[in-house]
Amino acid sequence: MSPSKRREMIRKENTKLSLTRQCKLLKISRSSIYYTPVGVNAETLKLMHEIDRIFTKYPFFGSRQIADICI
């Protein structure tokens, strides 16, 4: 069973089993039940594409050389 399906099995309102115990039984980390994914904004996505374009053209460049070109 996938971790996402196991996370769906957690019942936060269950008073008989604590969240810690439920997570242990389902073998998932307790912090994963509180995490909500954050989307990527358009500006960050544009920058990531630019970095990818430069790295594809110059795979021997390091982070400093790529940053010099991006700026």
PDB file of N, CA and C in Angstrom:
ATOM      1  N   MET A   1       0.856  -1.182   0.000  1.00  0.00           N
ATOM      2  CA  MET A   1       0.000   0.000   0.000  1.00  0.00           C
ATOM      3  C   MET A   1       0.895   1.236   0.000  1.00  0.00           C
ATOM      4  N   SER A   2       0.527   2.226  -0.780  1.00  0.00           N
ATOM      5  CA  SER A   2       1.339   3.432  -0.898  1.00  0.00           C
ATOM      6  C   SER A   2       1.217   4.302   0.361  1.00  0.00           C
ATOM      7  N   PRO A   3       2.248   5.115   0.626  1.00  0.00           N
ATOM      8  CA  PRO A   3       2.193   5.994   1.797  1.00  0.00           C
ATOM      9  C   PRO A   3       1.002   6.955   1.780  1.00  0.00           C
ATOM     10  N   SER A   4       0.615   7.428   0.595  1.00  0.00           N
ATOM     11  CA  SER A   4      -0.515   8.359   0.538  1.00  0.00           C
ATOM     12  C   SER A   4      -1.816   7.668   0.954  1.00  0.00           C
ATOM     13  N   LYS A   5      -1.987   6.421   0.570  1.00  0.00           N
ATOM     14  CA  LYS A   5      -3.188   5.683   0.984  1.00  0.00           C
ATOM     15  C   LYS A   5      -3.167   5.410   2.486  1.00  0.00           C
ATOM     16  N   ARG A   6      -1.969   5.136   3.027  1.00  0.00           N
ATOM     17  CA  ARG A   6      -1.858   4.912   4.470  1.00  0.00           C
ATOM     18  C   ARG A   6      -2.146   6.196   5.235  1.00  0.00           C
ATOM     19  N   ARG A   7      -1.702   7.359   4.679  1.00  0.00           N
ATOM     20  CA  ARG A   7      -1.985   8.646   5.337  1.00  0.00           C
ATOM     21  C   ARG A   7      -3.477   8.910   5.391  1.00  0.00           C
ATOM     22  N   GLU A   8      -4.210   8.477   4.358  1.00  0.00           N
ATOM     23  CA  GLU A   8      -5.660   8.679   4.337  1.00  0.00           C
ATOM     24  C   GLU A   8      -6.365   7.859   5.419  1.00  0.00           C
ATOM     25  N   MET A   9      -5.723   6.811   5.885  1.00  0.00           N
ATOM     26  CA  MET A   9      -6.316   5.954   6.909  1.00  0.00           C
ATOM     27  C   MET A   9      -6.231   6.557   8.308  1.00  0.00           C
ATOM     28  N   ILE A  10      -5.431   7.595   8.491  1.00  0.00           N
ATOM     29  CA  ILE A  10      -5.285   8.238   9.799  1.00  0.00           C
ATOM     30  C   ILE A  10      -6.600   8.938  10.167  1.00  0.00           C
ATOM     31  N   ARG A  11      -7.047   8.715  11.386  1.00  0.00           N
ATOM     32  CA  ARG A  11      -8.241   9.375  11.903  1.00  0.00           C
ATOM     33  C   ARG A  11      -7.818  10.294  13.032  1.00  0.00           C
ATOM     34  N   LYS A  12      -7.820  11.591  12.765  1.00  0.00           N
ATOM     35  CA  LYS A  12      -7.375  12.561  13.779  1.00  0.00           C
ATOM     36  C   LYS A  12      -8.355  12.674  14.935  1.00  0.00           C
ATOM     37  N   GLU A  13      -9.616  12.369  14.685  1.00  0.00           N
ATOM     38  CA  GLU A  13     -10.617  12.498  15.739  1.00  0.00           C
ATOM     39  C   GLU A  13     -10.735  11.229  16.584  1.00  0.00           C
ATOM     40  N   ASN A  14      -9.989  10.188  16.242  1.00  0.00           N
ATOM     41  CA  ASN A  14     -10.033   8.933  16.992  1.00  0.00           C
ATOM     42  C   ASN A  14      -9.400   9.137  18.374  1.00  0.00           C
ATOM     43  N   THR A  15     -10.170   8.919  19.420  1.00  0.00           N
ATOM     44  CA  THR A  15      -9.648   9.127  20.775  1.00  0.00           C
ATOM     45  C   THR A  15      -9.057   7.864  21.376  1.00  0.00           C
ATOM     46  N   LYS A  16      -9.338   6.702  20.795  1.00  0.00           N
ATOM     47  CA  LYS A  16      -8.810   5.451  21.343  1.00  0.00           C
ATOM     48  C   LYS A  16      -7.335   5.262  21.005  1.00  0.00           C
ATOM     49  N   LEU A  17      -6.927   5.720  19.827  1.00  0.00           N
ATOM     50  CA  LEU A  17      -5.526   5.604  19.411  1.00  0.00           C
ATOM     51  C   LEU A  17      -4.955   6.994  19.160  1.00  0.00           C
ATOM     52  N   SER A  18      -3.830   7.277  19.746  1.00  0.00           N
ATOM     53  CA  SER A  18      -3.191   8.572  19.517  1.00  0.00           C
ATOM     54  C   SER A  18      -2.658   8.628  18.087  1.00  0.00           C
ATOM     55  N   LEU A  19      -2.393   9.832  17.613  1.00  0.00           N
ATOM     56  CA  LEU A  19      -1.836   9.991  16.264  1.00  0.00           C
ATOM     57  C   LEU A  19      -0.486   9.302  16.151  1.00  0.00           C
ATOM     58  N   THR A  20       0.311   9.380  17.213  1.00  0.00           N
ATOM     59  CA  THR A  20       1.620   8.731  17.206  1.00  0.00           C
ATOM     60  C   THR A  20       1.469   7.230  17.026  1.00  0.00           C
ATOM     61  N   ARG A  21       0.551   6.629  17.752  1.00  0.00           N
ATOM     62  CA  ARG A  21       0.334   5.179  17.669  1.00  0.00           C
ATOM     63  C   ARG A  21      -0.208   4.789  16.293  1.00  0.00           C
ATOM     64  N   GLN A  22      -1.140   5.567  15.751  1.00  0.00           N
ATOM     65  CA  GLN A  22      -1.674   5.280  14.422  1.00  0.00           C
ATOM     66  C   GLN A  22      -0.567   5.315  13.372  1.00  0.00           C
ATOM     67  N   CYS A  23       0.310   6.309  13.471  1.00  0.00           N
ATOM     68  CA  CYS A  23       1.411   6.427  12.518  1.00  0.00           C
ATOM     69  C   CYS A  23       2.369   5.250  12.636  1.00  0.00           C
ATOM     70  N   LYS A  24       2.641   4.831  13.855  1.00  0.00           N
ATOM     71  CA  LYS A  24       3.527   3.675  14.052  1.00  0.00           C
ATOM     72  C   LYS A  24       2.911   2.418  13.455  1.00  0.00           C
ATOM     73  N   LEU A  25       1.625   2.228  13.668  1.00  0.00           N
ATOM     74  CA  LEU A  25       0.951   1.043  13.139  1.00  0.00           C
ATOM     75  C   LEU A  25       0.934   1.037  11.608  1.00  0.00           C
ATOM     76  N   LEU A  26       0.791   2.219  11.011  1.00  0.00           N
ATOM     77  CA  LEU A  26       0.746   2.328   9.547  1.00  0.00           C
ATOM     78  C   LEU A  26       2.127   2.503   8.928  1.00  0.00           C
ATOM     79  N   LYS A  27       3.146   2.615   9.785  1.00  0.00           N
ATOM     80  CA  LYS A  27       4.534   2.767   9.342  1.00  0.00           C
ATOM     81  C   LYS A  27       4.728   3.990   8.439  1.00  0.00           C
ATOM     82  N   ILE A  28       4.232   5.126   8.914  1.00  0.00           N
ATOM     83  CA  ILE A  28       4.469   6.410   8.254  1.00  0.00           C
ATOM     84  C   ILE A  28       4.994   7.385   9.296  1.00  0.00           C
ATOM     85  N   SER A  29       5.706   8.412   8.845  1.00  0.00           N
ATOM     86  CA  SER A  29       6.228   9.390   9.792  1.00  0.00           C
ATOM     87  C   SER A  29       5.093  10.310  10.263  1.00  0.00           C
ATOM     88  N   ARG A  30       5.159  10.686  11.509  1.00  0.00           N
ATOM     89  CA  ARG A  30       4.108  11.523  12.082  1.00  0.00           C
ATOM     90  C   ARG A  30       4.071  12.899  11.428  1.00  0.00           C
ATOM     91  N   SER A  31       5.234  13.425  11.047  1.00  0.00           N
ATOM     92  CA  SER A  31       5.265  14.747  10.428  1.00  0.00           C
ATOM     93  C   SER A  31       4.581  14.761   9.069  1.00  0.00           C
ATOM     94  N   SER A  32       4.506  13.614   8.401  1.00  0.00           N
ATOM     95  CA  SER A  32       3.892  13.581   7.065  1.00  0.00           C
ATOM     96  C   SER A  32       2.386  13.824   7.109  1.00  0.00           C
ATOM     97  N   ILE A  33       1.752  13.613   8.256  1.00  0.00           N
ATOM     98  CA  ILE A  33       0.301  13.848   8.312  1.00  0.00           C
ATOM     99  C   ILE A  33      -0.023  15.335   8.459  1.00  0.00           C
ATOM    100  N   TYR A  34       0.966  16.131   8.829  1.00  0.00           N
ATOM    101  CA  TYR A  34       0.748  17.572   8.976  1.00  0.00           C
ATOM    102  C   TYR A  34       1.190  18.358   7.745  1.00  0.00           C
ATOM    103  N   TYR A  35       1.959  17.747   6.865  1.00  0.00           N
ATOM    104  CA  TYR A  35       2.529  18.443   5.718  1.00  0.00           C
ATOM    105  C   TYR A  35       1.477  18.706   4.647  1.00  0.00           C
ATOM    106  N   THR A  36       1.432  19.940   4.157  1.00  0.00           N
ATOM    107  CA  THR A  36       0.593  20.263   3.006  1.00  0.00           C
ATOM    108  C   THR A  36       1.502  20.818   1.912  1.00  0.00           C
ATOM    109  N   PRO A  37       1.498  20.205   0.733  1.00  0.00           N
ATOM    110  CA  PRO A  37       2.393  20.642  -0.330  1.00  0.00           C
ATOM    111  C   PRO A  37       2.098  22.063  -0.791  1.00  0.00           C
ATOM    112  N   VAL A  38       3.159  22.765  -1.168  1.00  0.00           N
ATOM    113  CA  VAL A  38       3.045  24.138  -1.643  1.00  0.00           C
ATOM    114  C   VAL A  38       3.370  24.142  -3.126  1.00  0.00           C
ATOM    115  N   GLY A  39       2.562  24.796  -3.903  1.00  0.00           N
ATOM    116  CA  GLY A  39       2.795  24.869  -5.338  1.00  0.00           C
ATOM    117  C   GLY A  39       3.963  25.781  -5.685  1.00  0.00           C
ATOM    118  N   VAL A  40       4.432  25.668  -6.918  1.00  0.00           N
ATOM    119  CA  VAL A  40       5.550  26.481  -7.397  1.00  0.00           C
ATOM    120  C   VAL A  40       4.968  27.635  -8.211  1.00  0.00           C
ATOM    121  N   ASN A  41       5.407  28.860  -7.906  1.00  0.00           N
ATOM    122  CA  ASN A  41       4.875  30.001  -8.645  1.00  0.00           C
ATOM    123  C   ASN A  41       5.541  30.112 -10.015  1.00  0.00           C
ATOM    124  N   ALA A  42       4.980  30.919 -10.894  1.00  0.00           N
ATOM    125  CA  ALA A  42       5.431  31.028 -12.281  1.00  0.00           C
ATOM    126  C   ALA A  42       6.851  31.572 -12.380  1.00  0.00           C
ATOM    127  N   GLU A  43       7.213  32.525 -11.519  1.00  0.00           N
ATOM    128  CA  GLU A  43       8.551  33.121 -11.563  1.00  0.00           C
ATOM    129  C   GLU A  43       9.635  32.088 -11.236  1.00  0.00           C
ATOM    130  N   THR A  44       9.378  31.268 -10.231  1.00  0.00           N
ATOM    131  CA  THR A  44      10.330  30.220  -9.865  1.00  0.00           C
ATOM    132  C   THR A  44      10.452  29.185 -10.979  1.00  0.00           C
ATOM    133  N   LEU A  45       9.337  28.818 -11.569  1.00  0.00           N
ATOM    134  CA  LEU A  45       9.340  27.856 -12.668  1.00  0.00           C
ATOM    135  C   LEU A  45      10.113  28.390 -13.871  1.00  0.00           C
ATOM    136  N   LYS A  46       9.959  29.674 -14.163  1.00  0.00           N
ATOM    137  CA  LYS A  46      10.686  30.300 -15.272  1.00  0.00           C
ATOM    138  C   LYS A  46      12.190  30.264 -15.000  1.00  0.00           C
ATOM    139  N   LEU A  47      12.598  30.564 -13.773  1.00  0.00           N
ATOM    140  CA  LEU A  47      14.005  30.534 -13.398  1.00  0.00           C
ATOM    141  C   LEU A  47      14.565  29.115 -13.485  1.00  0.00           C
ATOM    142  N   MET A  48      13.790  28.135 -13.061  1.00  0.00           N
ATOM    143  CA  MET A  48      14.234  26.745 -13.143  1.00  0.00           C
ATOM    144  C   MET A  48      14.446  26.306 -14.587  1.00  0.00           C
ATOM    145  N   HIS A  49      13.570  26.734 -15.480  1.00  0.00           N
ATOM    146  CA  HIS A  49      13.731  26.409 -16.902  1.00  0.00           C
ATOM    147  C   HIS A  49      14.984  27.073 -17.471  1.00  0.00           C
ATOM    148  N   GLU A  50      15.249  28.292 -17.045  1.00  0.00           N
ATOM    149  CA  GLU A  50      16.441  29.003 -17.513  1.00  0.00           C
ATOM    150  C   GLU A  50      17.719  28.306 -17.038  1.00  0.00           C
ATOM    151  N   ILE A  51      17.737  27.893 -15.781  1.00  0.00           N
ATOM    152  CA  ILE A  51      18.893  27.161 -15.246  1.00  0.00           C
ATOM    153  C   ILE A  51      19.078  25.855 -16.008  1.00  0.00           C
ATOM    154  N   ASP A  52      17.986  25.160 -16.286  1.00  0.00           N
ATOM    155  CA  ASP A  52      18.055  23.906 -17.028  1.00  0.00           C
ATOM    156  C   ASP A  52      18.589  24.130 -18.440  1.00  0.00           C
ATOM    157  N   ARG A  53      18.156  25.212 -19.081  1.00  0.00           N
ATOM    158  CA  ARG A  53      18.624  25.522 -20.433  1.00  0.00           C
ATOM    159  C   ARG A  53      20.132  25.774 -20.436  1.00  0.00           C
ATOM    160  N   ILE A  54      20.613  26.543 -19.465  1.00  0.00           N
ATOM    161  CA  ILE A  54      22.041  26.853 -19.388  1.00  0.00           C
ATOM    162  C   ILE A  54      22.836  25.588 -19.077  1.00  0.00           C
ATOM    163  N   PHE A  55      22.353  24.771 -18.137  1.00  0.00           N
ATOM    164  CA  PHE A  55      23.089  23.562 -17.757  1.00  0.00           C
ATOM    165  C   PHE A  55      23.124  22.553 -18.905  1.00  0.00           C
ATOM    166  N   THR A  56      22.058  22.504 -19.705  1.00  0.00           N
ATOM    167  CA  THR A  56      22.042  21.598 -20.853  1.00  0.00           C
ATOM    168  C   THR A  56      23.075  22.037 -21.889  1.00  0.00           C
ATOM    169  N   LYS A  57      23.213  23.339 -22.056  1.00  0.00           N
ATOM    170  CA  LYS A  57      24.170  23.861 -23.035  1.00  0.00           C
ATOM    171  C   LYS A  57      25.601  23.778 -22.511  1.00  0.00           C
ATOM    172  N   TYR A  58      25.802  24.031 -21.223  1.00  0.00           N
ATOM    173  CA  TYR A  58      27.134  24.034 -20.604  1.00  0.00           C
ATOM    174  C   TYR A  58      27.128  23.117 -19.374  1.00  0.00           C
ATOM    175  N   PRO A  59      27.167  21.797 -19.554  1.00  0.00           N
ATOM    176  CA  PRO A  59      27.067  20.887 -18.408  1.00  0.00           C
ATOM    177  C   PRO A  59      28.268  20.942 -17.468  1.00  0.00           C
ATOM    178  N   PHE A  60      29.341  21.563 -17.885  1.00  0.00           N
ATOM    179  CA  PHE A  60      30.547  21.660 -17.065  1.00  0.00           C
ATOM    180  C   PHE A  60      30.527  22.905 -16.182  1.00  0.00           C
ATOM    181  N   PHE A  61      29.525  23.770 -16.321  1.00  0.00           N
ATOM    182  CA  PHE A  61      29.422  24.971 -15.494  1.00  0.00           C
ATOM    183  C   PHE A  61      29.015  24.586 -14.073  1.00  0.00           C
ATOM    184  N   GLY A  62      29.527  25.320 -13.124  1.00  0.00           N
ATOM    185  CA  GLY A  62      29.124  25.155 -11.731  1.00  0.00           C
ATOM    186  C   GLY A  62      28.026  26.150 -11.391  1.00  0.00           C
ATOM    187  N   SER A  63      27.615  26.145 -10.144  1.00  0.00           N
ATOM    188  CA  SER A  63      26.502  27.004  -9.723  1.00  0.00           C
ATOM    189  C   SER A  63      26.847  28.483  -9.857  1.00  0.00           C
ATOM    190  N   ARG A  64      28.098  28.852  -9.604  1.00  0.00           N
ATOM    191  CA  ARG A  64      28.474  30.261  -9.691  1.00  0.00           C
ATOM    192  C   ARG A  64      28.446  30.762 -11.134  1.00  0.00           C
ATOM    193  N   GLN A  65      28.912  29.928 -12.065  1.00  0.00           N
ATOM    194  CA  GLN A  65      28.897  30.343 -13.470  1.00  0.00           C
ATOM    195  C   GLN A  65      27.466  30.423 -13.995  1.00  0.00           C
ATOM    196  N   ILE A  66      26.617  29.496 -13.576  1.00  0.00           N
ATOM    197  CA  ILE A  66      25.215  29.540 -14.004  1.00  0.00           C
ATOM    198  C   ILE A  66      24.540  30.774 -13.421  1.00  0.00           C
ATOM    199  N   ALA A  67      24.832  31.101 -12.162  1.00  0.00           N
ATOM    200  CA  ALA A  67      24.241  32.285 -11.534  1.00  0.00           C
ATOM    201  C   ALA A  67      24.685  33.555 -12.224  1.00  0.00           C
ATOM    202  N   ASP A  68      25.960  33.621 -12.679  1.00  0.00           N
ATOM    203  CA  ASP A  68      26.442  34.800 -13.390  1.00  0.00           C
ATOM    204  C   ASP A  68      25.699  35.018 -14.690  1.00  0.00           C
ATOM    205  N   ILE A  69      25.352  33.943 -15.368  1.00  0.00           N
ATOM    206  CA  ILE A  69      24.631  34.053 -16.635  1.00  0.00           C
ATOM    207  C   ILE A  69      23.175  34.416 -16.397  1.00  0.00           C
ATOM    208  N   CYS A  70      22.564  33.851 -15.370  1.00  0.00           N
ATOM    209  CA  CYS A  70      21.142  34.098 -15.084  1.00  0.00           C
ATOM    210  C   CYS A  70      20.878  35.526 -14.652  1.00  0.00           C
ATOM    211  N   ILE A  71      21.845  36.146 -14.020  1.00  0.00           N
ATOM    212  CA  ILE A  71      21.627  37.500 -13.480  1.00  0.00           C
ATOM    213  C   ILE A  71      21.853  38.552 -14.498  1.00  0.00           C
TER     214      ILE A  71
END
